Every structure is written in structure tokens, then in C-alpha cells.
Amino acid sequence: MHDEQGLVRERRALLKNGLVLAGALAVPGTVSATTRLGRPLTARDLKPMSQPPLPRTTVAVTSPKVVRPDLLRQAMASLSRHGSRIQHHDRIAIADFAAPSGKPRFHFVDLASGRSTSLLVAHGSGSDPAHTGYLERFSNRFGSNASSEGAFVTDEYYVGKHGRSQRLIGLDPTNDNALDRAIVVHSAWYANKDMIETHGMLGRSQGCFAVGERDLDQVFARLGAGRMIYAAKV
């Protein structure tokens, strides 16, 4: 009798474990975004213009697997601290300047879904004087040609010496000269992927967030105006 009761308990346990496993297998995988990228921006559109639609992408990675948790926590704390000056809180960008320039370290995080897309971004020559591919220091000084640390809010698009660009406003004492220093988002040949193949690293900007020429439309679409870029080396 006792043996039969033991068998019943074992069968119930197996059945319960089987149901749990089946439930786990039934959880659907991540779904990639399917929105379409609009036409490229033109000089006529850029000042002012509405935010372009998000591009088609197959990337679906939860942010903690791409953005290091300590850096993500700092970025979220900064978003909360500067929340009244940042219009949109649905998406943010994080520049992880602890990573080398040859790695995708410009993370665009959708805070609603937890998904992120990572692209290449160059740092300033004043932050890496020996051109090692690693950012050594930040600066907020005029003429430093260095990247600045802290939270930025994206502003208007314009066409300047680097072509299509987006102005940034620094929100912290470590980057509050960004607008006057003309620290912006723009594309550059030295931030293209082929630089890694030939040199093992990207070139350097004058402190701007320089991205690859083929990535600029995607960056503009994901940022828009009134969103935060957080730059740090943690």
C-alpha cells in the first residue's frame, strides 16, 4: 500500500514537471521590429523636421545582454534625474566608452520592449591622443577635441560641414558646453566598418558622436529630437 502511494506521488511529480517544461517551451521568442525606414533626409527637410520612422531591423536582444548592467543603471538614473528636460522617455542611446572603438558600443535601447541595437561610434581625438582605439579621458573644454561624459538631449537636425547632423544639448556639468562646442551626431568615413578591417579601430572625431555613413539614417530614426544620449566610461 505504501509502495503504491509512493508511485502515485512520483507520477504526480513527473506530471507537474512535464507541465512546467511544456509551459517554458511554449513561451514565444522575441519578435523583430517590422517598421519601415522612410526616405533619406534632405537639406530641405532637416531644419526643422519630424522624426523619421524606425528602420526595419532583425536585432532583438534584451538590453542587459548588450549594455552592461552597471552602465544601464547609471543611464536610467540620469534619465530620471533629467526627466523634465527630456521630452521622450521611450528610447535612449548609450555610448559605452569603456569598450574599444572597434566594437559596436553605441547602444539604442527601447525601454518598452527591452530590445537594443548596437552600432559603431567614434570618440574624440583629444580623448585618445595616441590613437589606441580606447578612450582615455573626457573633457568639456573648448578646443580639447575630446568626447564629453554625461547626459545629452538630442535637438534639431541641420546640414553643416559634416553633412546631415543633429545638435546636442549637454545636461551635466561635464558636458554643458556641448552645444557651443558643436558636439553633434554626424556620419564620417572614418567611422565605417571597413576601418576595422584595415586598422583594427575607427578613426577619431573632434569630440562628436561620429557614426558610419550607412548607419546615419538608422541613428536619426532611432533618436529623433528630445531623447537622451548617455555617454560614460564605467
Protein backbone atom coordinates (compact mmCIF):
# COMPACT_ATOMS: atom_id res chain seq x y z
CA MET A 1 0.00 0.00 0.00
CA HIS A 2 2.76 2.39 0.94
CA ASP A 3 4.61 1.48 -2.29
CA GLU A 4 1.52 2.27 -4.35
CA GLN A 5 1.13 5.64 -2.64
CA GLY A 6 4.78 6.39 -3.33
CA LEU A 7 4.34 5.56 -7.01
CA VAL A 8 1.32 7.87 -7.20
CA ARG A 9 3.31 10.72 -5.67
CA GLU A 10 6.19 10.15 -8.12
CA ARG A 11 3.81 10.13 -11.10
CA ARG A 12 2.20 13.35 -9.90
CA ALA A 13 5.63 14.98 -9.55
CA LEU A 14 6.64 13.87 -13.06
CA LEU A 15 3.38 15.17 -14.48
CA LYS A 16 3.87 18.52 -12.73
CA ASN A 17 7.45 18.86 -14.02
CA GLY A 18 6.29 17.97 -17.51
CA LEU A 19 3.66 20.69 -17.46
CA VAL A 20 6.23 23.25 -16.26
CA LEU A 21 8.63 22.27 -19.03
CA ALA A 22 5.88 22.43 -21.64
CA GLY A 23 4.93 25.88 -20.45
CA ALA A 24 8.53 27.07 -20.71
CA LEU A 25 8.85 25.74 -24.24
CA ALA A 26 5.62 27.45 -25.21
CA VAL A 27 6.94 30.95 -24.43
CA PRO A 28 7.32 32.68 -27.80
CA GLY A 29 10.68 34.03 -28.92
CA THR A 30 11.44 37.65 -29.44
CA VAL A 31 9.85 39.29 -32.41
CA SER A 32 11.87 41.66 -34.53
CA ALA A 33 10.53 45.06 -35.43
CA THR A 34 9.00 45.40 -38.87
CA THR A 35 8.59 49.12 -39.22
CA ARG A 36 9.91 50.62 -42.46
CA LEU A 37 12.59 53.27 -42.82
CA GLY A 38 11.40 56.36 -44.64
CA ARG A 39 13.26 58.20 -47.39
CA PRO A 40 16.67 59.74 -46.58
CA LEU A 41 16.61 63.21 -45.08
CA THR A 42 17.37 66.13 -47.39
CA ALA A 43 18.58 69.63 -46.72
CA ARG A 44 15.04 70.89 -47.27
CA ASP A 45 13.73 68.56 -44.58
CA LEU A 46 16.36 68.99 -41.94
CA LYS A 47 15.53 72.29 -40.30
CA PRO A 48 13.13 71.64 -38.74
CA MET A 49 11.74 68.17 -39.44
CA SER A 50 9.75 65.46 -37.75
CA GLN A 51 11.38 62.27 -36.51
CA PRO A 52 11.88 59.66 -39.29
CA PRO A 53 10.18 56.28 -38.84
CA LEU A 54 12.14 53.42 -37.31
CA PRO A 55 14.06 51.25 -39.80
CA ARG A 56 13.45 47.57 -40.44
CA THR A 57 15.66 45.51 -38.15
CA THR A 58 16.14 41.87 -37.19
CA VAL A 59 18.02 42.65 -33.99
CA ALA A 60 16.14 41.55 -30.88
CA VAL A 61 18.50 41.41 -27.92
CA THR A 62 17.45 42.34 -24.40
CA SER A 63 19.44 45.32 -23.26
CA PRO A 64 21.28 43.82 -20.24
CA LYS A 65 22.97 41.34 -22.60
CA VAL A 66 24.39 44.19 -24.66
CA VAL A 67 24.60 47.15 -22.30
CA ARG A 68 26.48 46.28 -19.13
CA PRO A 69 24.08 46.35 -16.18
CA ASP A 70 26.05 48.94 -14.17
CA LEU A 71 26.15 51.28 -17.16
CA LEU A 72 22.45 50.75 -17.84
CA ARG A 73 21.64 51.58 -14.23
CA GLN A 74 23.63 54.81 -14.46
CA ALA A 75 21.85 55.76 -17.69
CA MET A 76 18.43 55.11 -16.18
CA ALA A 77 19.32 57.17 -13.10
CA SER A 78 20.39 60.01 -15.39
CA LEU A 79 17.14 59.75 -17.36
CA SER A 80 15.23 60.06 -14.10
CA ARG A 81 17.37 62.96 -12.88
CA HIS A 82 16.97 64.96 -16.10
CA GLY A 83 13.48 63.73 -16.91
CA SER A 84 11.88 67.18 -17.03
CA ARG A 85 14.33 68.27 -19.76
CA ILE A 86 13.94 65.14 -21.89
CA GLN A 87 10.71 65.06 -23.84
CA HIS A 88 10.61 61.38 -24.80
CA HIS A 89 11.41 58.50 -22.43
CA ASP A 90 10.59 55.59 -24.75
CA ARG A 91 14.08 55.10 -26.19
CA ILE A 92 17.58 56.11 -25.14
CA ALA A 93 21.08 55.79 -26.59
CA ILE A 94 24.09 54.77 -24.52
CA ALA A 95 27.70 55.24 -25.64
CA ASP A 96 29.84 52.74 -23.73
CA PHE A 97 33.25 54.37 -23.94
CA ALA A 98 34.85 51.66 -21.82
CA ALA A 99 34.71 49.50 -24.96
CA PRO A 100 37.20 49.98 -27.82
CA SER A 101 36.15 51.85 -30.94
CA GLY A 102 36.36 48.65 -32.98
CA LYS A 103 33.36 47.22 -31.10
CA PRO A 104 29.68 48.21 -31.51
CA ARG A 105 29.32 50.37 -28.40
CA PHE A 106 26.58 52.84 -29.33
CA HIS A 107 23.51 51.10 -27.89
CA PHE A 108 19.99 52.16 -28.83
CA VAL A 109 17.63 50.78 -26.20
CA ASP A 110 13.86 50.51 -26.49
CA LEU A 111 12.77 50.87 -22.87
CA ALA A 112 9.32 49.43 -23.53
CA SER A 113 10.44 46.15 -25.08
CA GLY A 114 13.94 45.89 -23.60
CA ARG A 115 15.42 45.33 -27.05
CA SER A 116 18.52 47.11 -28.25
CA THR A 117 20.56 47.70 -31.39
CA SER A 118 24.29 48.41 -31.24
CA LEU A 119 26.36 50.36 -33.76
CA LEU A 120 29.89 51.68 -34.10
CA VAL A 121 30.71 55.19 -32.89
CA ALA A 122 33.97 57.13 -32.82
CA HIS A 123 35.30 59.14 -29.90
CA GLY A 124 37.24 62.40 -29.93
CA SER A 125 40.94 62.67 -30.75
CA GLY A 126 41.50 64.60 -27.52
CA SER A 127 40.19 61.60 -25.60
CA ASP A 128 42.67 59.25 -27.26
CA PRO A 129 45.80 61.25 -28.19
CA ALA A 130 47.87 58.18 -29.05
CA HIS A 131 45.07 56.71 -31.17
CA THR A 132 44.96 53.39 -29.36
CA GLY A 133 41.26 52.83 -30.04
CA TYR A 134 40.41 53.33 -26.38
CA LEU A 135 39.02 56.48 -24.79
CA GLU A 136 41.38 57.61 -22.04
CA ARG A 137 39.73 60.77 -20.77
CA PHE A 138 36.76 63.09 -21.19
CA SER A 139 36.77 66.86 -21.44
CA ASN A 140 34.22 69.66 -21.57
CA ARG A 141 36.80 72.29 -22.55
CA PHE A 142 36.72 74.27 -25.75
CA GLY A 143 39.42 73.22 -28.19
CA SER A 144 40.03 69.89 -26.46
CA ASN A 145 38.61 67.81 -29.34
CA ALA A 146 37.60 65.33 -26.65
CA SER A 147 34.39 63.44 -26.03
CA SER A 148 32.31 64.58 -23.07
CA GLU A 149 30.77 62.49 -20.33
CA GLY A 150 27.16 62.61 -19.18
CA ALA A 151 23.62 63.00 -20.48
CA PHE A 152 22.75 64.85 -23.68
CA VAL A 153 19.33 65.61 -25.11
CA THR A 154 19.00 65.47 -28.87
CA ASP A 155 17.95 68.67 -30.62
CA GLU A 156 17.32 69.77 -34.21
CA TYR A 157 18.75 68.40 -37.45
CA TYR A 158 20.81 70.60 -39.72
CA VAL A 159 23.26 70.42 -42.62
CA GLY A 160 26.78 71.56 -41.75
CA LYS A 161 30.41 70.85 -42.56
CA HIS A 162 29.88 67.16 -41.77
CA GLY A 163 26.70 66.95 -43.84
CA ARG A 164 23.48 65.89 -42.15
CA SER A 165 23.91 66.31 -38.42
CA GLN A 166 21.95 66.59 -35.18
CA ARG A 167 22.66 69.10 -32.45
CA LEU A 168 23.04 68.01 -28.83
CA ILE A 169 22.49 69.85 -25.56
CA GLY A 170 24.60 68.77 -22.59
CA LEU A 171 22.65 68.35 -19.36
CA ASP A 172 25.50 67.81 -16.89
CA PRO A 173 28.40 70.00 -15.68
CA THR A 174 30.68 67.56 -17.52
CA ASN A 175 29.15 68.31 -20.93
CA ASP A 176 27.19 71.57 -20.68
CA ASN A 177 29.43 73.18 -23.32
CA ALA A 178 28.34 70.64 -25.94
CA LEU A 179 26.08 72.97 -27.92
CA ASP A 180 28.65 75.78 -28.05
CA ARG A 181 31.44 73.29 -28.82
CA ALA A 182 29.32 71.97 -31.72
CA ILE A 183 29.34 68.43 -30.31
CA VAL A 184 26.82 66.73 -32.60
CA VAL A 185 25.83 63.42 -34.16
CA HIS A 186 27.08 63.04 -37.73
CA SER A 187 28.45 60.41 -40.08
CA ALA A 188 32.06 60.07 -41.17
CA TRP A 189 34.12 57.80 -43.42
CA TYR A 190 36.48 57.07 -40.52
CA ALA A 191 33.58 55.51 -38.58
CA ASN A 192 32.75 52.98 -41.30
CA LYS A 193 33.13 49.26 -40.65
CA ASP A 194 35.94 48.87 -43.20
CA MET A 195 38.20 50.92 -40.90
CA ILE A 196 38.22 47.96 -38.51
CA GLU A 197 39.31 45.60 -41.27
CA THR A 198 42.22 47.81 -42.29
CA HIS A 199 43.22 49.46 -38.99
CA GLY A 200 41.56 47.42 -36.26
CA MET A 201 39.81 50.53 -34.91
CA LEU A 202 37.85 53.57 -36.00
CA GLY A 203 39.29 56.99 -36.66
CA ARG A 204 38.68 59.85 -34.23
CA SER A 205 36.30 62.79 -34.27
CA GLN A 206 36.67 66.25 -32.77
CA GLY A 207 34.51 65.18 -29.86
CA CYS A 208 31.36 64.37 -31.82
CA PHE A 209 29.43 61.09 -31.91
CA ALA A 210 30.57 60.08 -35.40
CA VAL A 211 28.83 57.02 -36.86
CA GLY A 212 29.23 55.11 -40.10
CA GLU A 213 27.92 56.69 -43.27
CA ARG A 214 25.47 53.85 -43.83
CA ASP A 215 24.27 53.99 -40.22
CA LEU A 216 23.24 57.64 -40.06
CA ASP A 217 19.66 57.17 -41.27
CA GLN A 218 19.12 54.47 -38.67
CA VAL A 219 20.63 56.61 -35.92
CA PHE A 220 18.45 59.59 -36.82
CA ALA A 221 15.35 57.38 -36.93
CA ARG A 222 16.04 55.87 -33.53
CA LEU A 223 16.95 59.13 -31.83
CA GLY A 224 14.68 61.84 -33.14
CA ALA A 225 14.55 65.06 -31.15
CA GLY A 226 14.04 65.17 -27.40
CA ARG A 227 15.68 61.85 -26.43
CA MET A 228 18.68 61.15 -24.24
CA ILE A 229 22.17 60.05 -25.20
CA TYR A 230 24.21 58.93 -22.22
CA ALA A 231 27.99 58.71 -22.57
CA ALA A 232 30.22 57.19 -19.91
CA LYS A 233 33.21 55.01 -19.20
CA VAL A 234 32.32 52.71 -16.33
